[in-house]
Amino acid sequence: MTTLVEIEAAIQQLSEPEARRLAAWLQDYLDDAWDRQIAADTAAGKLDGLIAQAEADIANGNVRDLDEILRDV
């Protein structure tokens, strides 16, 4: 099996364009993994409490527009 040290050494041998291409691929891979985790958490009901709280906040007017928040920064 390839070790992380071997992978790091191989990456150091890449040209800059190849390293950037690898970085983009890795980011896509991680994004897809995140999406799968969110989908699994949603299906398992792990986000139900957060969704209910957000809906309650919206119903009670306890939210602000993002533009307003960004202006206050």
C-alpha atoms as a PDB file:
ATOM      1  CA  MET A   1       0.000   0.000   0.000  1.00  0.00           C
ATOM      2  CA  THR A   2       1.189   3.515  -0.779  1.00  0.00           C
ATOM      3  CA  THR A   3       1.974   5.583   2.284  1.00  0.00           C
ATOM      4  CA  LEU A   4       1.237   9.246   2.753  1.00  0.00           C
ATOM      5  CA  VAL A   5       4.977   9.964   2.735  1.00  0.00           C
ATOM      6  CA  GLU A   6       5.264   8.323  -0.695  1.00  0.00           C
ATOM      7  CA  ILE A   7       2.306  10.313  -1.992  1.00  0.00           C
ATOM      8  CA  GLU A   8       3.784  13.558  -0.681  1.00  0.00           C
ATOM      9  CA  ALA A   9       7.127  12.752  -2.330  1.00  0.00           C
ATOM     10  CA  ALA A  10       5.375  12.021  -5.629  1.00  0.00           C
ATOM     11  CA  ILE A  11       3.453  15.290  -5.441  1.00  0.00           C
ATOM     12  CA  GLN A  12       6.692  17.193  -4.989  1.00  0.00           C
ATOM     13  CA  GLN A  13       7.824  15.796  -8.329  1.00  0.00           C
ATOM     14  CA  LEU A  14       4.838  17.288 -10.174  1.00  0.00           C
ATOM     15  CA  SER A  15       5.048  20.412 -12.239  1.00  0.00           C
ATOM     16  CA  GLU A  16       3.068  23.379 -10.968  1.00  0.00           C
ATOM     17  CA  PRO A  17       0.250  22.858 -13.520  1.00  0.00           C
ATOM     18  CA  GLU A  18       0.054  19.177 -12.563  1.00  0.00           C
ATOM     19  CA  ALA A  19      -0.004  20.041  -8.860  1.00  0.00           C
ATOM     20  CA  ARG A  20      -2.787  22.576  -9.458  1.00  0.00           C
ATOM     21  CA  ARG A  21      -4.751  19.969 -11.417  1.00  0.00           C
ATOM     22  CA  LEU A  22      -4.279  17.505  -8.550  1.00  0.00           C
ATOM     23  CA  ALA A  23      -5.370  20.157  -6.037  1.00  0.00           C
ATOM     24  CA  ALA A  24      -8.533  20.825  -8.038  1.00  0.00           C
ATOM     25  CA  TRP A  25      -9.250  17.086  -8.244  1.00  0.00           C
ATOM     26  CA  LEU A  26      -8.696  16.694  -4.498  1.00  0.00           C
ATOM     27  CA  GLN A  27     -11.016  19.607  -3.741  1.00  0.00           C
ATOM     28  CA  ASP A  28     -13.718  18.043  -5.937  1.00  0.00           C
ATOM     29  CA  TYR A  29     -13.196  14.717  -4.145  1.00  0.00           C
ATOM     30  CA  LEU A  30     -13.554  16.368  -0.727  1.00  0.00           C
ATOM     31  CA  ASP A  31     -16.596  18.361  -1.866  1.00  0.00           C
ATOM     32  CA  ASP A  32     -18.270  15.150  -3.043  1.00  0.00           C
ATOM     33  CA  ALA A  33     -17.458  13.444   0.271  1.00  0.00           C
ATOM     34  CA  TRP A  34     -18.991  16.404   2.138  1.00  0.00           C
ATOM     35  CA  ASP A  35     -22.125  16.218  -0.007  1.00  0.00           C
ATOM     36  CA  ARG A  36     -22.447  12.472   0.694  1.00  0.00           C
ATOM     37  CA  GLN A  37     -22.047  13.092   4.447  1.00  0.00           C
ATOM     38  CA  ILE A  38     -24.691  15.837   4.453  1.00  0.00           C
ATOM     39  CA  ALA A  39     -27.062  13.581   2.503  1.00  0.00           C
ATOM     40  CA  ALA A  40     -26.473  10.721   4.947  1.00  0.00           C
ATOM     41  CA  ASP A  41     -26.926  12.991   7.973  1.00  0.00           C
ATOM     42  CA  THR A  42     -30.132  14.405   6.479  1.00  0.00           C
ATOM     43  CA  ALA A  43     -31.506  10.925   5.745  1.00  0.00           C
ATOM     44  CA  ALA A  44     -30.658   9.834   9.308  1.00  0.00           C
ATOM     45  CA  GLY A  45     -32.509  12.831  10.753  1.00  0.00           C
ATOM     46  CA  LYS A  46     -29.375  14.336  12.290  1.00  0.00           C
ATOM     47  CA  LEU A  47     -30.229  17.787  10.928  1.00  0.00           C
ATOM     48  CA  ASP A  48     -33.897  17.782  11.919  1.00  0.00           C
ATOM     49  CA  GLY A  49     -33.306  19.854  15.060  1.00  0.00           C
ATOM     50  CA  LEU A  50     -31.335  22.490  13.174  1.00  0.00           C
ATOM     51  CA  ILE A  51     -33.960  22.662  10.435  1.00  0.00           C
ATOM     52  CA  ALA A  52     -36.754  23.006  13.000  1.00  0.00           C
ATOM     53  CA  GLN A  53     -34.874  25.800  14.778  1.00  0.00           C
ATOM     54  CA  ALA A  54     -34.284  27.655  11.502  1.00  0.00           C
ATOM     55  CA  GLU A  55     -37.952  27.332  10.561  1.00  0.00           C
ATOM     56  CA  ALA A  56     -38.995  28.614  13.991  1.00  0.00           C
ATOM     57  CA  ASP A  57     -36.606  31.555  13.727  1.00  0.00           C
ATOM     58  CA  ILE A  58     -38.021  32.428  10.307  1.00  0.00           C
ATOM     59  CA  ALA A  59     -41.602  32.130  11.550  1.00  0.00           C
ATOM     60  CA  ASN A  60     -40.816  34.385  14.541  1.00  0.00           C
ATOM     61  CA  GLY A  61     -38.975  36.959  12.457  1.00  0.00           C
ATOM     62  CA  ASN A  62     -35.671  36.261  14.194  1.00  0.00           C
ATOM     63  CA  VAL A  63     -33.635  36.456  11.001  1.00  0.00           C
ATOM     64  CA  ARG A  64     -31.903  39.178   9.027  1.00  0.00           C
ATOM     65  CA  ASP A  65     -31.060  39.445   5.342  1.00  0.00           C
ATOM     66  CA  LEU A  66     -27.519  38.396   4.530  1.00  0.00           C
ATOM     67  CA  ASP A  67     -26.918  41.761   2.843  1.00  0.00           C
ATOM     68  CA  GLU A  68     -27.781  43.513   6.111  1.00  0.00           C
ATOM     69  CA  ILE A  69     -25.400  41.298   8.080  1.00  0.00           C
ATOM     70  CA  LEU A  70     -22.583  41.878   5.596  1.00  0.00           C
ATOM     71  CA  ARG A  71     -23.086  45.639   5.744  1.00  0.00           C
ATOM     72  CA  ASP A  72     -22.659  45.505   9.536  1.00  0.00           C
ATOM     73  CA  VAL A  73     -19.267  43.792   9.316  1.00  0.00           C
END
